Amino acid sequence: PVLLVAGDRDDIRLEHMIEMYRLLENSQLFIYPNTTHFVFDQYSERVAGVIIGFLKPEGRSSSVP
């Protein structure tokens, strides 16, 4: 399983994040609004919650749209 995390104002273009998400089987994509490449610094507690949720077996999705 792979969790991709980025801000919607990240240096990495949103289109590229979506492309990576689609190419990686068993992946999830989390885009944080109004955030730059430093999403982990800006919202560390919130992003940590997303990561913890992802790491729990029930938080993982087996389907990719």
Protein backbone atom coordinates (compact mmCIF):
# COMPACT_ATOMS: atom_id res chain seq x y z
CA PRO A 1 0.00 0.00 0.00
CA VAL A 2 1.14 3.53 -0.82
CA LEU A 3 -0.10 6.83 0.56
CA LEU A 4 0.70 9.89 -1.53
CA VAL A 5 0.42 13.19 0.33
CA ALA A 6 0.70 16.68 -1.15
CA GLY A 7 -0.65 20.17 -0.85
CA ASP A 8 -2.86 21.61 -3.56
CA ARG A 9 -0.28 24.39 -3.97
CA ASP A 10 2.64 21.98 -3.97
CA ASP A 11 5.66 22.30 -6.25
CA ILE A 12 4.63 18.94 -7.67
CA ARG A 13 1.71 19.57 -10.02
CA LEU A 14 -1.61 18.08 -9.01
CA GLU A 15 -1.84 16.35 -12.39
CA HIS A 16 1.42 14.53 -11.67
CA MET A 17 0.23 13.40 -8.24
CA ILE A 18 -2.96 12.03 -9.80
CA GLU A 19 -0.96 10.25 -12.49
CA MET A 20 1.27 8.60 -9.85
CA TYR A 21 -1.83 7.62 -7.88
CA ARG A 22 -3.38 5.99 -10.93
CA LEU A 23 -0.17 4.13 -11.84
CA LEU A 24 0.40 2.70 -8.36
CA GLU A 25 -1.82 -0.22 -7.47
CA ASN A 26 -3.27 -0.19 -3.97
CA SER A 27 -2.56 3.51 -3.44
CA GLN A 28 -4.40 6.35 -1.80
CA LEU A 29 -4.03 10.06 -2.51
CA PHE A 30 -4.41 12.79 0.09
CA ILE A 31 -4.34 16.38 -1.17
CA TYR A 32 -4.45 18.99 1.57
CA PRO A 33 -6.18 22.26 0.53
CA ASN A 34 -4.47 25.65 0.60
CA THR A 35 -1.10 24.06 1.36
CA THR A 36 2.32 24.10 -0.26
CA HIS A 37 5.03 21.45 -0.48
CA PHE A 38 5.53 21.91 3.27
CA VAL A 39 2.21 20.30 4.19
CA PHE A 40 3.96 18.16 6.84
CA ASP A 41 5.37 21.25 8.55
CA GLN A 42 2.22 23.35 8.18
CA TYR A 43 -0.26 20.73 9.40
CA SER A 44 1.86 18.04 11.02
CA GLU A 45 -0.78 16.84 13.50
CA ARG A 46 -3.52 16.60 10.88
CA VAL A 47 -1.29 14.85 8.36
CA ALA A 48 -0.08 12.50 11.10
CA GLY A 49 -3.72 11.56 11.72
CA VAL A 50 -4.18 10.74 8.04
CA ILE A 51 -1.01 8.63 8.05
CA ILE A 52 -2.04 6.77 11.21
CA GLY A 53 -5.45 6.10 9.67
CA PHE A 54 -3.78 4.78 6.54
CA LEU A 55 -1.51 2.46 8.52
CA LYS A 56 -4.44 0.83 10.30
CA PRO A 57 -5.64 -2.19 8.29
CA GLU A 58 -9.24 -0.92 8.19
CA GLY A 59 -8.02 2.45 6.82
CA ARG A 60 -6.63 0.95 3.64
CA SER A 61 -8.64 0.73 0.48
CA SER A 62 -8.08 -2.16 -1.89
CA SER A 63 -9.80 -0.50 -4.83
CA VAL A 64 -8.34 2.12 -7.13
CA PRO A 65 -10.77 4.29 -9.12
